[in-house]
Amino acid sequence: MVSQDLLEILRCPACVREKDGLLEFYKETWLICQDCDRKYPIRDEIPVMLIDEGDKWVAVRKEDLPIPPPK
């Protein structure tokens, strides 16, 4: 599981310079930006915070995200 301390400091890398970039921890497998709706998977307990990775999932509704995220 991702530590609570880490979750509190993580921000969306695409938004953090201009907005808050706050992330929603979703079903212990995704981090969803509250500003831009990019979705970052958590794989092997490691958040994949790459903008390109978040872009892949931006059009997917959070209810439709695969659990667990694909590798």
Protein backbone atom coordinates (compact mmCIF):
# COMPACT_ATOMS: atom_id res chain seq x y z
CA MET A 1 0.00 0.00 0.00
CA VAL A 2 1.13 3.55 -0.76
CA SER A 3 2.02 5.42 2.44
CA GLN A 4 -0.27 8.18 3.62
CA ASP A 5 2.72 10.54 3.89
CA LEU A 6 3.50 10.05 0.20
CA LEU A 7 -0.14 10.55 -0.81
CA GLU A 8 -0.23 13.86 1.03
CA ILE A 9 2.71 15.32 -0.91
CA LEU A 10 2.08 13.91 -4.41
CA ARG A 11 0.63 16.31 -6.97
CA CYS A 12 -0.23 16.02 -10.65
CA PRO A 13 2.98 16.83 -12.55
CA ALA A 14 0.98 18.46 -15.37
CA CYS A 15 -0.94 20.85 -13.11
CA VAL A 16 1.25 21.59 -10.11
CA ARG A 17 2.88 24.71 -11.56
CA GLU A 18 -0.37 26.53 -12.33
CA LYS A 19 -2.96 24.86 -10.08
CA ASP A 20 -3.11 22.77 -6.93
CA GLY A 21 -2.85 19.44 -8.77
CA LEU A 22 -4.51 17.63 -5.88
CA LEU A 23 -5.00 13.91 -6.37
CA GLU A 24 -7.86 11.63 -5.41
CA PHE A 25 -6.75 8.19 -4.19
CA TYR A 26 -9.15 5.87 -6.01
CA LYS A 27 -9.65 2.21 -5.08
CA GLU A 28 -6.04 1.99 -3.89
CA THR A 29 -4.88 1.61 -7.51
CA TRP A 30 -5.27 5.05 -9.15
CA LEU A 31 -4.47 8.69 -8.46
CA ILE A 32 -6.85 11.06 -10.24
CA CYS A 33 -6.06 14.75 -10.67
CA GLN A 34 -8.92 16.94 -9.48
CA ASP A 35 -7.91 19.71 -11.90
CA CYS A 36 -7.25 18.00 -15.25
CA ASP A 37 -8.71 14.50 -14.70
CA ARG A 38 -5.49 12.71 -15.67
CA LYS A 39 -5.34 9.29 -14.07
CA TYR A 40 -2.07 7.84 -12.81
CA PRO A 41 -1.89 4.11 -12.08
CA ILE A 42 -0.30 2.61 -9.01
CA ARG A 43 1.65 -0.49 -9.98
CA ASP A 44 3.36 -2.70 -7.42
CA GLU A 45 2.61 -0.04 -4.79
CA ILE A 46 4.46 2.62 -6.84
CA PRO A 47 2.57 5.59 -8.33
CA VAL A 48 3.48 6.08 -12.00
CA MET A 49 3.47 9.87 -12.10
CA LEU A 50 4.43 10.39 -15.75
CA ILE A 51 2.34 12.91 -17.70
CA ASP A 52 2.28 10.57 -20.71
CA GLU A 53 0.84 7.82 -18.49
CA GLY A 54 -1.83 10.16 -17.13
CA ASP A 55 -2.72 11.24 -20.67
CA LYS A 56 -3.52 7.63 -21.65
CA TRP A 57 -6.40 7.53 -19.18
CA VAL A 58 -7.76 11.10 -19.26
CA ALA A 59 -10.81 10.16 -21.41
CA VAL A 60 -11.71 7.11 -19.28
CA ARG A 61 -14.33 7.61 -16.58
CA LYS A 62 -13.01 6.66 -13.17
CA GLU A 63 -15.75 4.03 -12.83
CA ASP A 64 -14.38 2.36 -15.99
CA LEU A 65 -10.73 2.24 -14.94
CA PRO A 66 -9.30 -1.30 -14.87
CA ILE A 67 -8.62 -2.64 -11.38
CA PRO A 68 -5.75 -3.43 -11.08
CA PRO A 69 -4.14 -1.18 -13.71
CA PRO A 70 -2.58 -2.98 -16.67
CA LYS A 71 1.19 -3.37 -16.69
